Amino acid sequence: MSLTGYSDLVARLKDRGARVVALQFPAGLKRKATEVACTLKDEGFEVIVSGDPCYGACDLAV
């Protein structure tokens, strides 16, 4: 996968020293989950994708 569009995300995660990243997407963006997860895996992160429905920024998977 290309870093196009995700380079800022990758840089921020690396700056924070992240090793494991959990991703949660609202219904309209779920089709991007694989692309984002693969990009982050290619950069060396362990990625967890939540398949639970999300209804906004305050609805976090726990």
PDB file of N, CA and C in Angstrom:
ATOM      1  N   MET A   1       0.831  -1.187   0.000  1.00  0.00           N
ATOM      2  CA  MET A   1       0.000   0.000   0.000  1.00  0.00           C
ATOM      3  C   MET A   1       0.874   1.249   0.000  1.00  0.00           C
ATOM      4  N   SER A   2       0.341   2.291  -0.536  1.00  0.00           N
ATOM      5  CA  SER A   2       1.043   3.564  -0.614  1.00  0.00           C
ATOM      6  C   SER A   2       0.830   4.368   0.662  1.00  0.00           C
ATOM      7  N   LEU A   3       1.806   5.183   0.984  1.00  0.00           N
ATOM      8  CA  LEU A   3       1.664   6.069   2.133  1.00  0.00           C
ATOM      9  C   LEU A   3       0.891   7.328   1.782  1.00  0.00           C
ATOM     10  N   THR A   4       0.534   7.487   0.506  1.00  0.00           N
ATOM     11  CA  THR A   4      -0.176   8.680   0.087  1.00  0.00           C
ATOM     12  C   THR A   4      -1.391   8.898   0.969  1.00  0.00           C
ATOM     13  N   GLY A   5      -1.451  10.042   1.616  1.00  0.00           N
ATOM     14  CA  GLY A   5      -2.574  10.361   2.485  1.00  0.00           C
ATOM     15  C   GLY A   5      -2.427   9.869   3.912  1.00  0.00           C
ATOM     16  N   TYR A   6      -1.476   8.998   4.166  1.00  0.00           N
ATOM     17  CA  TYR A   6      -1.317   8.440   5.511  1.00  0.00           C
ATOM     18  C   TYR A   6       0.025   8.796   6.140  1.00  0.00           C
ATOM     19  N   SER A   7       0.861   9.547   5.439  1.00  0.00           N
ATOM     20  CA  SER A   7       2.197   9.845   5.959  1.00  0.00           C
ATOM     21  C   SER A   7       2.137  10.645   7.258  1.00  0.00           C
ATOM     22  N   ASP A   8       1.177  11.563   7.379  1.00  0.00           N
ATOM     23  CA  ASP A   8       1.042  12.340   8.610  1.00  0.00           C
ATOM     24  C   ASP A   8       0.628  11.442   9.773  1.00  0.00           C
ATOM     25  N   LEU A   9      -0.303  10.527   9.519  1.00  0.00           N
ATOM     26  CA  LEU A   9      -0.740   9.579  10.547  1.00  0.00           C
ATOM     27  C   LEU A   9       0.431   8.720  11.011  1.00  0.00           C
ATOM     28  N   VAL A  10       1.183   8.181  10.067  1.00  0.00           N
ATOM     29  CA  VAL A  10       2.333   7.334  10.398  1.00  0.00           C
ATOM     30  C   VAL A  10       3.355   8.129  11.204  1.00  0.00           C
ATOM     31  N   ALA A  11       3.636   9.359  10.794  1.00  0.00           N
ATOM     32  CA  ALA A  11       4.605  10.192  11.506  1.00  0.00           C
ATOM     33  C   ALA A  11       4.148  10.463  12.937  1.00  0.00           C
ATOM     34  N   ARG A  12       2.879  10.761  13.123  1.00  0.00           N
ATOM     35  CA  ARG A  12       2.366  11.035  14.471  1.00  0.00           C
ATOM     36  C   ARG A  12       2.445   9.794  15.358  1.00  0.00           C
ATOM     37  N   LEU A  13       2.103   8.643  14.800  1.00  0.00           N
ATOM     38  CA  LEU A  13       2.174   7.410  15.583  1.00  0.00           C
ATOM     39  C   LEU A  13       3.615   7.093  15.974  1.00  0.00           C
ATOM     40  N   LYS A  14       4.545   7.286  15.051  1.00  0.00           N
ATOM     41  CA  LYS A  14       5.960   7.038  15.353  1.00  0.00           C
ATOM     42  C   LYS A  14       6.478   8.027  16.388  1.00  0.00           C
ATOM     43  N   ASP A  15       6.067   9.295  16.284  1.00  0.00           N
ATOM     44  CA  ASP A  15       6.479  10.303  17.269  1.00  0.00           C
ATOM     45  C   ASP A  15       6.010   9.945  18.671  1.00  0.00           C
ATOM     46  N   ARG A  16       4.863   9.301  18.772  1.00  0.00           N
ATOM     47  CA  ARG A  16       4.311   8.904  20.072  1.00  0.00           C
ATOM     48  C   ARG A  16       4.883   7.581  20.568  1.00  0.00           C
ATOM     49  N   GLY A  17       5.662   6.923  19.730  1.00  0.00           N
ATOM     50  CA  GLY A  17       6.244   5.645  20.122  1.00  0.00           C
ATOM     51  C   GLY A  17       5.250   4.493  20.098  1.00  0.00           C
ATOM     52  N   ALA A  18       4.197   4.643  19.312  1.00  0.00           N
ATOM     53  CA  ALA A  18       3.163   3.598  19.235  1.00  0.00           C
ATOM     54  C   ALA A  18       3.723   2.334  18.592  1.00  0.00           C
ATOM     55  N   ARG A  19       3.303   1.194  19.100  1.00  0.00           N
ATOM     56  CA  ARG A  19       3.651  -0.096  18.498  1.00  0.00           C
ATOM     57  C   ARG A  19       2.400  -0.847  18.080  1.00  0.00           C
ATOM     58  N   VAL A  20       1.329  -0.669  18.859  1.00  0.00           N
ATOM     59  CA  VAL A  20       0.044  -1.312  18.574  1.00  0.00           C
ATOM     60  C   VAL A  20      -0.980  -0.203  18.342  1.00  0.00           C
ATOM     61  N   VAL A  21      -1.748  -0.339  17.260  1.00  0.00           N
ATOM     62  CA  VAL A  21      -2.731   0.683  16.892  1.00  0.00           C
ATOM     63  C   VAL A  21      -4.092   0.014  16.734  1.00  0.00           C
ATOM     64  N   ALA A  22      -5.102   0.549  17.417  1.00  0.00           N
ATOM     65  CA  ALA A  22      -6.474   0.059  17.265  1.00  0.00           C
ATOM     66  C   ALA A  22      -7.230   1.023  16.361  1.00  0.00           C
ATOM     67  N   LEU A  23      -7.907   0.476  15.369  1.00  0.00           N
ATOM     68  CA  LEU A  23      -8.661   1.293  14.416  1.00  0.00           C
ATOM     69  C   LEU A  23     -10.146   1.015  14.555  1.00  0.00           C
ATOM     70  N   GLN A  24     -10.938   2.074  14.498  1.00  0.00           N
ATOM     71  CA  GLN A  24     -12.393   1.966  14.538  1.00  0.00           C
ATOM     72  C   GLN A  24     -12.932   2.965  13.527  1.00  0.00           C
ATOM     73  N   PHE A  25     -13.827   2.515  12.668  1.00  0.00           N
ATOM     74  CA  PHE A  25     -14.344   3.352  11.594  1.00  0.00           C
ATOM     75  C   PHE A  25     -15.862   3.438  11.653  1.00  0.00           C
ATOM     76  N   PRO A  26     -16.421   4.626  11.333  1.00  0.00           N
ATOM     77  CA  PRO A  26     -17.876   4.693  11.173  1.00  0.00           C
ATOM     78  C   PRO A  26     -18.275   3.942   9.909  1.00  0.00           C
ATOM     79  N   ALA A  27     -19.543   3.615   9.783  1.00  0.00           N
ATOM     80  CA  ALA A  27     -20.028   2.784   8.672  1.00  0.00           C
ATOM     81  C   ALA A  27     -19.582   3.297   7.305  1.00  0.00           C
ATOM     82  N   GLY A  28     -19.602   4.585   7.097  1.00  0.00           N
ATOM     83  CA  GLY A  28     -19.251   5.145   5.798  1.00  0.00           C
ATOM     84  C   GLY A  28     -17.787   5.019   5.425  1.00  0.00           C
ATOM     85  N   LEU A  29     -16.922   4.747   6.381  1.00  0.00           N
ATOM     86  CA  LEU A  29     -15.483   4.633   6.112  1.00  0.00           C
ATOM     87  C   LEU A  29     -14.940   3.222   6.295  1.00  0.00           C
ATOM     88  N   LYS A  30     -15.790   2.264   6.642  1.00  0.00           N
ATOM     89  CA  LYS A  30     -15.316   0.890   6.883  1.00  0.00           C
ATOM     90  C   LYS A  30     -14.596   0.309   5.670  1.00  0.00           C
ATOM     91  N   ARG A  31     -14.969   0.733   4.478  1.00  0.00           N
ATOM     92  CA  ARG A  31     -14.310   0.203   3.279  1.00  0.00           C
ATOM     93  C   ARG A  31     -12.838   0.620   3.201  1.00  0.00           C
ATOM     94  N   LYS A  32     -12.435   1.624   3.976  1.00  0.00           N
ATOM     95  CA  LYS A  32     -11.043   2.076   4.023  1.00  0.00           C
ATOM     96  C   LYS A  32     -10.223   1.324   5.070  1.00  0.00           C
ATOM     97  N   ALA A  33     -10.863   0.531   5.907  1.00  0.00           N
ATOM     98  CA  ALA A  33     -10.178  -0.122   7.026  1.00  0.00           C
ATOM     99  C   ALA A  33      -9.015  -0.991   6.568  1.00  0.00           C
ATOM    100  N   THR A  34      -9.225  -1.783   5.530  1.00  0.00           N
ATOM    101  CA  THR A  34      -8.164  -2.671   5.049  1.00  0.00           C
ATOM    102  C   THR A  34      -6.980  -1.875   4.531  1.00  0.00           C
ATOM    103  N   GLU A  35      -7.251  -0.829   3.783  1.00  0.00           N
ATOM    104  CA  GLU A  35      -6.179   0.006   3.230  1.00  0.00           C
ATOM    105  C   GLU A  35      -5.348   0.648   4.335  1.00  0.00           C
ATOM    106  N   VAL A  36      -6.016   1.222   5.323  1.00  0.00           N
ATOM    107  CA  VAL A  36      -5.308   1.871   6.427  1.00  0.00           C
ATOM    108  C   VAL A  36      -4.536   0.836   7.240  1.00  0.00           C
ATOM    109  N   ALA A  37      -5.166  -0.288   7.552  1.00  0.00           N
ATOM    110  CA  ALA A  37      -4.510  -1.333   8.340  1.00  0.00           C
ATOM    111  C   ALA A  37      -3.277  -1.872   7.625  1.00  0.00           C
ATOM    112  N   CYS A  38      -3.383  -2.133   6.337  1.00  0.00           N
ATOM    113  CA  CYS A  38      -2.235  -2.649   5.576  1.00  0.00           C
ATOM    114  C   CYS A  38      -1.099  -1.636   5.530  1.00  0.00           C
ATOM    115  N   THR A  39      -1.444  -0.371   5.358  1.00  0.00           N
ATOM    116  CA  THR A  39      -0.422   0.676   5.340  1.00  0.00           C
ATOM    117  C   THR A  39       0.320   0.718   6.665  1.00  0.00           C
ATOM    118  N   LEU A  40      -0.419   0.665   7.768  1.00  0.00           N
ATOM    119  CA  LEU A  40       0.219   0.712   9.082  1.00  0.00           C
ATOM    120  C   LEU A  40       1.029  -0.549   9.356  1.00  0.00           C
ATOM    121  N   LYS A  41       0.541  -1.706   8.937  1.00  0.00           N
ATOM    122  CA  LYS A  41       1.305  -2.952   9.100  1.00  0.00           C
ATOM    123  C   LYS A  41       2.606  -2.888   8.319  1.00  0.00           C
ATOM    124  N   ASP A  42       2.551  -2.348   7.107  1.00  0.00           N
ATOM    125  CA  ASP A  42       3.757  -2.205   6.289  1.00  0.00           C
ATOM    126  C   ASP A  42       4.787  -1.292   6.948  1.00  0.00           C
ATOM    127  N   GLU A  43       4.317  -0.394   7.803  1.00  0.00           N
ATOM    128  CA  GLU A  43       5.208   0.517   8.523  1.00  0.00           C
ATOM    129  C   GLU A  43       5.698  -0.075   9.843  1.00  0.00           C
ATOM    130  N   GLY A  44       5.270  -1.304  10.159  1.00  0.00           N
ATOM    131  CA  GLY A  44       5.770  -1.990  11.342  1.00  0.00           C
ATOM    132  C   GLY A  44       4.871  -1.958  12.564  1.00  0.00           C
ATOM    133  N   PHE A  45       3.683  -1.423  12.440  1.00  0.00           N
ATOM    134  CA  PHE A  45       2.751  -1.386  13.566  1.00  0.00           C
ATOM    135  C   PHE A  45       1.951  -2.680  13.633  1.00  0.00           C
ATOM    136  N   GLU A  46       1.604  -3.086  14.845  1.00  0.00           N
ATOM    137  CA  GLU A  46       0.623  -4.154  15.026  1.00  0.00           C
ATOM    138  C   GLU A  46      -0.740  -3.472  14.999  1.00  0.00           C
ATOM    139  N   VAL A  47      -1.660  -3.979  14.186  1.00  0.00           N
ATOM    140  CA  VAL A  47      -2.936  -3.291  13.971  1.00  0.00           C
ATOM    141  C   VAL A  47      -4.101  -4.165  14.407  1.00  0.00           C
ATOM    142  N   ILE A  48      -5.017  -3.565  15.145  1.00  0.00           N
ATOM    143  CA  ILE A  48      -6.262  -4.208  15.554  1.00  0.00           C
ATOM    144  C   ILE A  48      -7.393  -3.387  14.946  1.00  0.00           C
ATOM    145  N   VAL A  49      -8.281  -4.041  14.199  1.00  0.00           N
ATOM    146  CA  VAL A  49      -9.417  -3.342  13.594  1.00  0.00           C
ATOM    147  C   VAL A  49     -10.693  -3.799  14.292  1.00  0.00           C
ATOM    148  N   SER A  50     -11.433  -2.845  14.834  1.00  0.00           N
ATOM    149  CA  SER A  50     -12.711  -3.147  15.476  1.00  0.00           C
ATOM    150  C   SER A  50     -13.803  -3.170  14.416  1.00  0.00           C
ATOM    151  N   GLY A  51     -14.612  -4.219  14.425  1.00  0.00           N
ATOM    152  CA  GLY A  51     -15.720  -4.320  13.490  1.00  0.00           C
ATOM    153  C   GLY A  51     -17.038  -3.863  14.088  1.00  0.00           C
ATOM    154  N   ASP A  52     -16.997  -3.440  15.356  1.00  0.00           N
ATOM    155  CA  ASP A  52     -18.217  -2.964  16.007  1.00  0.00           C
ATOM    156  C   ASP A  52     -18.688  -1.669  15.364  1.00  0.00           C
ATOM    157  N   PRO A  53     -19.992  -1.445  15.325  1.00  0.00           N
ATOM    158  CA  PRO A  53     -20.495  -0.194  14.764  1.00  0.00           C
ATOM    159  C   PRO A  53     -20.031   1.001  15.590  1.00  0.00           C
ATOM    160  N   CYS A  54     -19.846   2.110  14.929  1.00  0.00           N
ATOM    161  CA  CYS A  54     -19.390   3.344  15.564  1.00  0.00           C
ATOM    162  C   CYS A  54     -20.336   4.461  15.132  1.00  0.00           C
ATOM    163  N   TYR A  55     -20.799   5.243  16.078  1.00  0.00           N
ATOM    164  CA  TYR A  55     -21.779   6.286  15.766  1.00  0.00           C
ATOM    165  C   TYR A  55     -21.262   7.680  16.083  1.00  0.00           C
ATOM    166  N   GLY A  56     -19.974   7.883  16.039  1.00  0.00           N
ATOM    167  CA  GLY A  56     -19.403   9.200  16.283  1.00  0.00           C
ATOM    168  C   GLY A  56     -18.151   9.110  17.132  1.00  0.00           C
ATOM    169  N   ALA A  57     -17.508  10.259  17.321  1.00  0.00           N
ATOM    170  CA  ALA A  57     -16.227  10.315  18.023  1.00  0.00           C
ATOM    171  C   ALA A  57     -16.328   9.891  19.485  1.00  0.00           C
ATOM    172  N   CYS A  58     -17.499  10.022  20.088  1.00  0.00           N
ATOM    173  CA  CYS A  58     -17.629   9.666  21.505  1.00  0.00           C
ATOM    174  C   CYS A  58     -18.011   8.199  21.703  1.00  0.00           C
ATOM    175  N   ASP A  59     -18.178   7.448  20.622  1.00  0.00           N
ATOM    176  CA  ASP A  59     -18.572   6.036  20.693  1.00  0.00           C
ATOM    177  C   ASP A  59     -17.350   5.157  20.433  1.00  0.00           C
ATOM    178  N   LEU A  60     -16.517   4.977  21.454  1.00  0.00           N
ATOM    179  CA  LEU A  60     -15.263   4.241  21.298  1.00  0.00           C
ATOM    180  C   LEU A  60     -15.419   2.770  21.633  1.00  0.00           C
ATOM    181  N   ALA A  61     -14.700   1.935  20.898  1.00  0.00           N
ATOM    182  CA  ALA A  61     -14.666   0.500  21.193  1.00  0.00           C
ATOM    183  C   ALA A  61     -13.816   0.288  22.438  1.00  0.00           C
ATOM    184  N   VAL A  62     -14.317  -0.488  23.364  1.00  0.00           N
ATOM    185  CA  VAL A  62     -13.540  -0.783  24.573  1.00  0.00           C
ATOM    186  C   VAL A  62     -13.470  -2.271  24.797  1.00  0.00           C
TER     187      VAL A  62
END
